[in-house]
Amino acid sequence: MDSLDAVENAEVGREWRILQELMKFLGPPMGLSMVGYSLEFGRYGSSLAVRDGRYIISKGTGGRSSVSGIVATVFGCTGFLGRYVVQQLAKMGSQVMVPYRGSEDSPRHLKLMGDLGQIVPMQFHPRDENSIKAAIAKSNVVINLIGREFETRNFTFDDVHIGVTEALSRLSKQHGGIVRYIQASCLGASITSSAKYFQTKAIADEIALRHFPQTTVLRAGPMVGTEDRLLNVWAQQAKNLPFVPIFGNGETRLQPAFVMDIAAAIVAAVKDDGSSLGRTYDLGGPDVYTVEDLAMMVFDIIRERPRMVKIPLLFPKMAAIPRDYVMKNLRLPTSSRSFLSRDYLDTVEIDQVNADGALSFKDLGVIPRQLRGVTIEHLYAFRSGGPGLGTTVAEEQSSDDMTGYRF
């Protein structure tokens, strides 16, 4: 028995020595030192997955249990567009790193979108470069969706659009294994714009291309979808206010696009043969509307009688002066976009449409959908009496016609 114990102990000791040598070579386990491991061995995953710009490790039929060879880090994954990008990447067998800040529950809804272990939440902070390096360490694709429509006490437009983009594009280039860097921007972005939002977006695009020349810039039109802050806002105002305020003359031109089409364009740029590298695409939808046209469409969809009042910009801009002063000097929290902020009012009269001759959806092989059917069905919830009815329909029908309906 003693001899057996001695043999067993010797075997365990030999295995332990082998493990120690292996640990010296590989470094500490991922869970013990995420940042240190990522900094020292940052290219392990990407070097294996990519050769000559192509994803070489792929297996399966292309479903969520397949292996696409794509390991993508999606910054801004918890936002409106982010969830759709994560879903489309995960459903084809990609592993998706989902960096988040704040509560660990923020990315919880994303974990269901991929197979077991394919959605990897990682806490990070945009001002902590080590956390950014850890988030992209095993990736071969980086997608920057971080953006804000208003400034807060913690992050200005310069911080969010320019500072974050500078860090992500620079560190992605230093990484050495990133073969796709996608920069999400917006239609209307221009360095000469009078609106700081559009100005900083354009500067961010240039910075991304400077640090990472192969950057694909996707300038999305105003996005519509279940969680949008365009059509939903008008629908809520139509239900809760005596009238819907339209700031300006209502003639500003918009080219809205369905959020799932934008996500499909991003994935198409990730999967292509490299033809999108270093290029800029304008992703406006198939139709151009004025602000007034879109507001009228919302009234028609939710079946409410139109009640709009056009307000000259002079008055809300005057009202925004004390509001902005108080918010800046008292550092009060801002949880959502204010329509009486200069940030918003400066963007009201700037067209957001595709530039003439610009690359668009069709150049990425995506056919954008019009604003009807599935793209606007989330507005049916605002109809009085349910999705099949509405205030105007109820008024036009007799009581006999309404038998069987409950209000």
Protein backbone atom coordinates (compact mmCIF):
# COMPACT_ATOMS: atom_id res chain seq x y z
CA MET A 1 0.00 0.00 0.00
CA ASP A 2 2.84 2.36 0.87
CA SER A 3 4.50 1.72 -2.49
CA LEU A 4 1.22 2.47 -4.28
CA ASP A 5 0.85 5.73 -2.33
CA ALA A 6 4.42 6.68 -3.22
CA VAL A 7 3.78 6.03 -6.92
CA GLU A 8 0.54 8.01 -6.79
CA ASN A 9 2.20 10.94 -5.01
CA ALA A 10 5.04 10.93 -7.52
CA GLU A 11 2.55 10.99 -10.38
CA VAL A 12 0.62 13.89 -8.82
CA GLY A 13 3.88 15.75 -8.24
CA ARG A 14 4.92 15.25 -11.84
CA GLU A 15 1.54 16.54 -13.12
CA TRP A 16 1.79 19.55 -10.81
CA ARG A 17 5.26 20.41 -12.12
CA ILE A 18 3.98 20.16 -15.69
CA LEU A 19 1.07 22.43 -14.79
CA GLN A 20 3.44 24.95 -13.22
CA GLU A 21 5.59 25.04 -16.35
CA LEU A 22 2.48 25.44 -18.47
CA MET A 23 1.30 28.32 -16.28
CA LYS A 24 4.66 30.03 -16.68
CA PHE A 25 4.27 29.78 -20.42
CA LEU A 26 0.60 30.76 -20.71
CA GLY A 27 0.33 33.16 -17.79
CA PRO A 28 -2.42 33.24 -15.13
CA PRO A 29 -5.90 31.91 -15.84
CA MET A 30 -8.34 34.29 -17.49
CA GLY A 31 -10.56 34.65 -14.47
CA LEU A 32 -7.70 35.52 -12.12
CA SER A 33 -6.18 38.36 -14.09
CA MET A 34 -8.31 39.38 -17.05
CA VAL A 35 -6.53 42.65 -17.79
CA GLY A 36 -2.98 41.34 -17.28
CA TYR A 37 -3.64 38.22 -19.34
CA SER A 38 -5.22 40.26 -22.11
CA LEU A 39 -2.38 42.74 -22.25
CA GLU A 40 0.32 40.09 -22.43
CA PHE A 41 -1.38 37.57 -24.69
CA GLY A 42 -3.69 39.88 -26.59
CA ARG A 43 -3.46 38.28 -30.03
CA TYR A 44 -4.03 34.60 -29.22
CA GLY A 45 -7.63 34.43 -30.42
CA SER A 46 -7.31 36.74 -33.40
CA SER A 47 -4.06 35.23 -34.68
CA LEU A 48 -5.65 31.79 -34.79
CA ALA A 49 -8.91 32.93 -36.35
CA VAL A 50 -7.63 35.12 -39.17
CA ARG A 51 -5.14 34.74 -41.99
CA ASP A 52 -4.63 37.34 -44.73
CA GLY A 53 -7.76 39.16 -43.61
CA ARG A 54 -9.98 36.08 -43.84
CA TYR A 55 -11.75 34.09 -41.14
CA ILE A 56 -10.18 30.65 -41.45
CA ILE A 57 -11.74 28.86 -38.50
CA SER A 58 -15.35 28.17 -39.46
CA LYS A 59 -17.54 25.15 -39.09
CA GLY A 60 -21.19 24.28 -39.36
CA THR A 61 -24.17 25.36 -41.43
CA GLY A 62 -24.16 29.00 -40.35
CA GLY A 63 -26.59 28.81 -37.43
CA ARG A 64 -26.05 29.90 -33.85
CA SER A 65 -24.30 26.63 -32.97
CA SER A 66 -21.85 26.99 -35.84
CA VAL A 67 -18.43 28.66 -35.73
CA SER A 68 -18.18 31.66 -38.06
CA GLY A 69 -14.57 32.50 -37.19
CA ILE A 70 -15.66 35.99 -36.14
CA VAL A 71 -14.82 37.13 -32.63
CA ALA A 72 -16.34 40.59 -32.37
CA THR A 73 -16.24 43.20 -29.63
CA VAL A 74 -19.31 45.44 -29.86
CA PHE A 75 -18.89 48.69 -27.95
CA GLY A 76 -22.27 50.29 -27.32
CA CYS A 77 -23.91 46.86 -27.30
CA THR A 78 -26.56 47.81 -24.74
CA GLY A 79 -27.94 50.64 -26.86
CA PHE A 80 -30.74 50.74 -29.42
CA LEU A 81 -28.68 49.53 -32.39
CA GLY A 82 -26.29 47.40 -30.32
CA ARG A 83 -28.77 44.67 -29.40
CA TYR A 84 -29.63 44.07 -33.05
CA VAL A 85 -25.98 43.90 -34.09
CA VAL A 86 -25.22 41.39 -31.32
CA GLN A 87 -28.23 39.29 -32.31
CA GLN A 88 -27.27 39.14 -35.99
CA LEU A 89 -23.65 38.28 -35.21
CA ALA A 90 -24.56 35.63 -32.65
CA LYS A 91 -27.19 33.89 -34.76
CA MET A 92 -24.56 32.93 -37.35
CA GLY A 93 -22.16 31.41 -34.81
CA SER A 94 -19.92 34.36 -33.92
CA GLN A 95 -18.51 34.91 -30.46
CA VAL A 96 -19.42 38.39 -29.26
CA MET A 97 -17.72 40.32 -26.49
CA VAL A 98 -20.20 42.76 -24.98
CA PRO A 99 -18.38 45.44 -22.94
CA TYR A 100 -20.61 47.32 -20.53
CA ARG A 101 -20.28 49.84 -17.74
CA GLY A 102 -22.54 50.21 -14.76
CA SER A 103 -24.78 47.40 -13.57
CA GLU A 104 -23.90 43.82 -14.45
CA ASP A 105 -27.55 43.42 -15.45
CA SER A 106 -27.09 45.83 -18.36
CA PRO A 107 -26.04 43.14 -20.88
CA ARG A 108 -28.13 40.33 -19.39
CA HIS A 109 -30.75 40.42 -22.17
CA LEU A 110 -27.99 39.88 -24.75
CA LYS A 111 -26.88 36.49 -23.36
CA LEU A 112 -29.95 34.76 -24.80
CA MET A 113 -29.05 35.82 -28.34
CA GLY A 114 -26.18 33.36 -28.79
CA ASP A 115 -25.28 29.78 -27.97
CA LEU A 116 -23.81 28.84 -24.60
CA GLY A 117 -20.62 30.81 -23.98
CA GLN A 118 -20.86 32.83 -27.18
CA ILE A 119 -21.98 36.09 -25.56
CA VAL A 120 -19.26 37.27 -23.18
CA PRO A 121 -20.04 40.29 -20.96
CA MET A 122 -16.98 42.28 -19.89
CA GLN A 123 -17.03 45.33 -17.65
CA PHE A 124 -15.11 48.30 -19.02
CA HIS A 125 -14.86 52.07 -18.79
CA PRO A 126 -14.21 54.29 -21.83
CA ARG A 127 -11.55 56.23 -19.92
CA ASP A 128 -9.68 53.09 -18.83
CA GLU A 129 -7.49 51.91 -21.70
CA ASN A 130 -6.55 48.68 -19.96
CA SER A 131 -10.20 47.67 -19.82
CA ILE A 132 -10.52 48.45 -23.54
CA LYS A 133 -7.46 46.31 -24.30
CA ALA A 134 -8.97 43.46 -22.31
CA ALA A 135 -12.26 43.76 -24.21
CA ILE A 136 -10.61 43.50 -27.64
CA ALA A 137 -7.80 41.10 -26.67
CA LYS A 138 -9.25 37.95 -28.25
CA SER A 139 -11.18 39.67 -31.04
CA ASN A 140 -10.59 40.09 -34.74
CA VAL A 141 -13.47 42.55 -35.24
CA VAL A 142 -14.20 45.77 -33.34
CA ILE A 143 -17.50 47.62 -33.79
CA ASN A 144 -17.90 51.08 -32.26
CA LEU A 145 -21.56 51.99 -31.72
CA ILE A 146 -20.95 54.34 -28.79
CA GLY A 147 -22.70 57.67 -29.20
CA ARG A 148 -24.97 60.11 -27.44
CA GLU A 149 -27.64 62.53 -28.65
CA PHE A 150 -27.16 64.86 -25.70
CA GLU A 151 -24.40 65.85 -23.31
CA THR A 152 -24.44 64.87 -19.64
CA ARG A 153 -22.56 66.05 -16.57
CA ASN A 154 -20.06 63.21 -17.03
CA PHE A 155 -19.64 63.00 -20.80
CA THR A 156 -19.65 65.75 -23.40
CA PHE A 157 -19.91 65.16 -27.15
CA ASP A 158 -16.14 65.54 -27.33
CA ASP A 159 -15.70 62.82 -24.70
CA VAL A 160 -18.16 60.36 -26.20
CA HIS A 161 -17.67 60.81 -29.92
CA ILE A 162 -14.07 61.98 -30.25
CA GLY A 163 -12.32 60.67 -27.13
CA VAL A 164 -13.80 57.18 -27.22
CA THR A 165 -13.27 56.80 -30.97
CA GLU A 166 -9.65 57.92 -30.67
CA ALA A 167 -8.95 55.32 -27.97
CA LEU A 168 -10.76 52.45 -29.70
CA SER A 169 -9.27 53.01 -33.16
CA ARG A 170 -5.74 53.57 -31.83
CA LEU A 171 -5.78 50.51 -29.57
CA SER A 172 -7.35 48.38 -32.31
CA LYS A 173 -4.48 49.28 -34.64
CA GLN A 174 -1.89 48.58 -31.93
CA HIS A 175 -3.54 45.21 -31.29
CA GLY A 176 -2.33 43.93 -34.66
CA GLY A 177 -4.97 41.24 -35.09
CA ILE A 178 -8.04 43.37 -35.78
CA VAL A 179 -9.07 42.91 -39.43
CA ARG A 180 -12.35 44.84 -39.33
CA TYR A 181 -13.02 48.10 -37.52
CA ILE A 182 -16.57 49.42 -37.97
CA GLN A 183 -17.31 53.04 -37.02
CA ALA A 184 -21.00 53.91 -36.64
CA SER A 185 -21.78 57.51 -37.54
CA CYS A 186 -24.85 59.42 -38.73
CA LEU A 187 -26.19 61.21 -41.77
CA GLY A 188 -25.64 64.94 -41.51
CA ALA A 189 -22.20 64.57 -39.94
CA SER A 190 -20.00 67.46 -41.07
CA ILE A 191 -17.03 69.27 -39.59
CA THR A 192 -18.60 72.59 -40.64
CA SER A 193 -22.00 71.78 -39.09
CA SER A 194 -23.53 74.34 -36.75
CA ALA A 195 -24.65 71.50 -34.47
CA LYS A 196 -21.97 70.17 -32.17
CA TYR A 197 -23.49 66.70 -32.33
CA PHE A 198 -22.95 66.41 -36.09
CA GLN A 199 -19.60 68.19 -35.91
CA THR A 200 -18.10 65.80 -33.36
CA LYS A 201 -19.46 62.81 -35.27
CA ALA A 202 -17.59 63.93 -38.39
CA ILE A 203 -14.38 64.56 -36.45
CA ALA A 204 -14.67 61.07 -34.93
CA ASP A 205 -14.96 59.54 -38.41
CA GLU A 206 -11.74 61.26 -39.51
CA ILE A 207 -9.91 60.20 -36.35
CA ALA A 208 -10.95 56.57 -36.85
CA LEU A 209 -9.66 56.61 -40.43
CA ARG A 210 -6.43 58.27 -39.34
CA HIS A 211 -5.62 55.68 -36.66
CA PHE A 212 -7.09 52.69 -38.51
CA PRO A 213 -7.04 53.39 -42.28
CA GLN A 214 -9.10 50.26 -43.04
CA THR A 215 -12.02 51.59 -40.98
CA THR A 216 -15.47 51.15 -42.49
CA VAL A 217 -17.60 54.20 -41.65
CA LEU A 218 -21.36 53.63 -41.70
CA ARG A 219 -23.42 56.82 -41.50
CA ALA A 220 -26.89 55.72 -40.45
CA GLY A 221 -30.04 57.69 -41.08
CA PRO A 222 -32.51 58.36 -38.23
CA MET A 223 -33.27 54.86 -36.97
CA VAL A 224 -36.78 53.56 -36.43
CA GLY A 225 -37.78 50.45 -34.55
CA THR A 226 -39.36 49.23 -31.35
CA GLU A 227 -37.11 51.30 -29.08
CA ASP A 228 -36.65 54.36 -31.33
CA ARG A 229 -36.62 57.93 -30.06
CA LEU A 230 -38.26 59.41 -33.15
CA LEU A 231 -41.64 57.93 -34.03
CA ASN A 232 -42.29 56.72 -30.48
CA VAL A 233 -41.84 60.25 -29.12
CA TRP A 234 -44.43 61.71 -31.49
CA ALA A 235 -46.84 58.86 -30.73
CA GLN A 236 -46.50 59.43 -26.98
CA GLN A 237 -47.02 63.16 -27.41
CA ALA A 238 -50.07 62.55 -29.59
CA LYS A 239 -51.63 60.46 -26.82
CA ASN A 240 -50.64 62.63 -23.86
CA LEU A 241 -50.53 66.24 -25.07
CA PRO A 242 -53.17 68.55 -26.57
CA PHE A 243 -50.90 68.92 -29.61
CA VAL A 244 -47.57 67.69 -30.96
CA PRO A 245 -44.93 70.46 -31.05
CA ILE A 246 -42.93 70.65 -34.28
CA PHE A 247 -39.86 72.84 -33.77
CA GLY A 248 -38.96 74.86 -36.85
CA ASN A 249 -40.86 74.90 -40.12
CA GLY A 250 -41.24 71.12 -40.39
CA GLU A 251 -39.49 71.08 -43.77
CA THR A 252 -36.25 69.43 -42.61
CA ARG A 253 -35.61 66.34 -44.73
CA LEU A 254 -34.98 62.97 -43.07
CA GLN A 255 -34.17 59.59 -44.60
CA PRO A 256 -35.09 57.14 -41.81
CA ALA A 257 -33.91 53.53 -41.89
CA PHE A 258 -35.13 50.43 -40.08
CA VAL A 259 -32.75 49.52 -37.27
CA MET A 260 -32.50 45.87 -38.34
CA ASP A 261 -31.39 46.99 -41.81
CA ILE A 262 -28.61 49.07 -40.25
CA ALA A 263 -27.52 46.03 -38.21
CA ALA A 264 -27.59 43.88 -41.35
CA ALA A 265 -25.35 46.42 -43.11
CA ILE A 266 -22.84 46.30 -40.25
CA VAL A 267 -22.71 42.50 -40.39
CA ALA A 268 -22.37 42.63 -44.19
CA ALA A 269 -19.34 44.92 -43.82
CA VAL A 270 -17.83 42.47 -41.32
CA LYS A 271 -18.37 39.46 -43.61
CA ASP A 272 -17.43 40.89 -47.00
CA ASP A 273 -14.27 40.18 -48.99
CA GLY A 274 -12.63 43.42 -47.91
CA SER A 275 -14.34 45.65 -50.46
CA SER A 276 -15.72 47.88 -47.69
CA LEU A 277 -12.35 48.56 -46.03
CA GLY A 278 -11.55 52.26 -45.79
CA ARG A 279 -14.88 53.31 -47.27
CA THR A 280 -17.79 55.42 -46.04
CA TYR A 281 -21.43 54.42 -46.59
CA ASP A 282 -24.56 56.55 -46.22
CA LEU A 283 -27.30 54.32 -44.84
CA GLY A 284 -30.50 56.26 -45.36
CA GLY A 285 -33.72 54.37 -46.00
CA PRO A 286 -35.42 54.08 -49.40
CA ASP A 287 -37.61 57.19 -48.94
CA VAL A 288 -37.04 60.82 -47.96
CA TYR A 289 -39.60 62.54 -45.72
CA THR A 290 -40.00 65.96 -44.22
CA VAL A 291 -40.47 66.16 -40.46
CA GLU A 292 -44.08 67.17 -41.02
CA ASP A 293 -44.66 64.18 -43.32
CA LEU A 294 -43.29 61.78 -40.69
CA ALA A 295 -45.42 63.30 -37.93
CA MET A 296 -48.51 62.99 -40.14
CA MET A 297 -47.58 59.36 -40.81
CA VAL A 298 -47.48 58.69 -37.06
CA PHE A 299 -50.96 60.20 -36.61
CA ASP A 300 -52.22 58.01 -39.44
CA ILE A 301 -50.62 54.84 -38.05
CA ILE A 302 -51.95 55.29 -34.52
CA ARG A 303 -55.30 56.52 -35.94
CA GLU A 304 -55.44 59.85 -34.21
CA ARG A 305 -56.59 63.11 -35.72
CA PRO A 306 -53.58 65.32 -36.57
CA ARG A 307 -52.84 67.97 -33.94
CA MET A 308 -49.55 69.70 -34.69
CA VAL A 309 -48.25 73.17 -33.87
CA LYS A 310 -45.14 74.55 -35.56
CA ILE A 311 -43.02 76.51 -33.11
CA PRO A 312 -40.38 78.96 -34.45
CA LEU A 313 -36.96 77.98 -33.15
CA LEU A 314 -36.34 81.42 -31.64
CA PHE A 315 -38.64 80.72 -28.69
CA PRO A 316 -37.36 77.28 -27.62
CA LYS A 317 -33.76 78.46 -28.08
CA MET A 318 -34.43 81.36 -25.71
CA ALA A 319 -36.01 78.94 -23.23
CA ALA A 320 -32.97 76.65 -23.54
CA ILE A 321 -30.53 79.34 -22.32
CA PRO A 322 -31.46 79.20 -18.60
CA ARG A 323 -31.99 75.45 -18.78
CA ASP A 324 -28.50 74.82 -20.18
CA TYR A 325 -26.94 77.27 -17.70
CA VAL A 326 -28.53 75.49 -14.74
CA MET A 327 -27.58 72.04 -16.03
CA LYS A 328 -23.99 73.10 -16.66
CA ASN A 329 -23.34 74.97 -13.42
CA LEU A 330 -25.39 72.92 -10.95
CA ARG A 331 -24.35 69.64 -12.54
CA LEU A 332 -27.82 68.15 -12.35
CA PRO A 333 -28.31 64.64 -13.75
CA THR A 334 -29.92 64.32 -17.19
CA SER A 335 -31.52 60.95 -17.74
CA SER A 336 -32.95 61.58 -21.19
CA ARG A 337 -32.79 63.95 -24.11
CA SER A 338 -34.50 67.27 -23.45
CA PHE A 339 -36.34 68.98 -26.30
CA LEU A 340 -35.53 72.31 -24.66
CA SER A 341 -31.77 71.83 -24.84
CA ARG A 342 -29.52 73.58 -27.31
CA ASP A 343 -28.00 70.19 -28.22
CA TYR A 344 -31.30 69.04 -29.68
CA LEU A 345 -32.52 72.34 -31.12
CA ASP A 346 -29.29 72.82 -33.09
CA THR A 347 -30.01 69.59 -35.01
CA VAL A 348 -33.64 70.31 -35.85
CA GLU A 349 -33.12 72.15 -39.15
CA ILE A 350 -30.25 70.04 -40.50
CA ASP A 351 -31.15 67.56 -43.25
CA GLN A 352 -30.20 63.93 -42.70
CA VAL A 353 -30.19 62.38 -46.16
CA ASN A 354 -27.74 60.42 -48.30
CA ALA A 355 -25.15 62.51 -50.10
CA ASP A 356 -25.23 62.48 -53.90
CA GLY A 357 -23.19 59.60 -55.26
CA ALA A 358 -22.44 58.13 -51.84
CA LEU A 359 -22.14 54.39 -51.29
CA SER A 360 -25.31 53.01 -49.73
CA PHE A 361 -27.16 49.89 -48.61
CA LYS A 362 -27.13 48.32 -52.07
CA ASP A 363 -23.32 48.45 -52.17
CA LEU A 364 -23.31 46.21 -49.10
CA GLY A 365 -25.90 43.85 -50.56
CA VAL A 366 -28.70 44.97 -48.22
CA ILE A 367 -32.17 46.02 -49.40
CA PRO A 368 -33.60 48.58 -46.93
CA ARG A 369 -37.27 48.29 -46.00
CA GLN A 370 -39.84 51.05 -46.33
CA LEU A 371 -41.70 52.49 -43.36
CA ARG A 372 -44.65 50.15 -43.43
CA GLY A 373 -45.52 46.75 -42.03
CA VAL A 374 -42.94 45.33 -39.64
CA THR A 375 -40.88 48.53 -39.52
CA ILE A 376 -43.64 50.54 -37.83
CA GLU A 377 -45.84 47.88 -36.24
CA HIS A 378 -44.54 48.84 -32.78
CA LEU A 379 -46.71 51.97 -33.08
CA TYR A 380 -49.89 49.87 -33.16
CA ALA A 381 -49.71 49.73 -29.36
CA PHE A 382 -50.67 53.42 -29.29
CA ARG A 383 -54.01 52.78 -30.99
CA SER A 384 -57.00 53.31 -28.72
CA GLY A 385 -58.91 50.05 -28.38
CA GLY A 386 -56.06 47.85 -29.53
CA PRO A 387 -54.00 47.16 -32.65
CA GLY A 388 -57.08 46.75 -34.88
CA LEU A 389 -58.74 50.01 -33.89
CA GLY A 390 -58.01 53.62 -33.13
CA THR A 391 -59.74 56.83 -32.17
CA THR A 392 -60.57 57.83 -35.73
CA VAL A 393 -61.80 54.34 -36.66
CA ALA A 394 -63.99 54.19 -33.56
CA GLU A 395 -65.53 57.57 -34.39
CA GLU A 396 -66.31 56.56 -37.97
CA GLN A 397 -68.02 53.28 -37.06
CA SER A 398 -71.50 52.84 -35.64
CA SER A 399 -72.17 51.07 -32.36
CA ASP A 400 -73.51 48.04 -34.28
CA ASP A 401 -70.19 47.72 -36.12
CA MET A 402 -68.30 47.72 -32.81
CA THR A 403 -70.01 44.63 -31.38
CA GLY A 404 -67.42 42.29 -29.95
CA TYR A 405 -64.76 44.94 -29.35
CA ARG A 406 -63.77 45.94 -25.83
CA PHE A 407 -62.27 49.35 -24.98
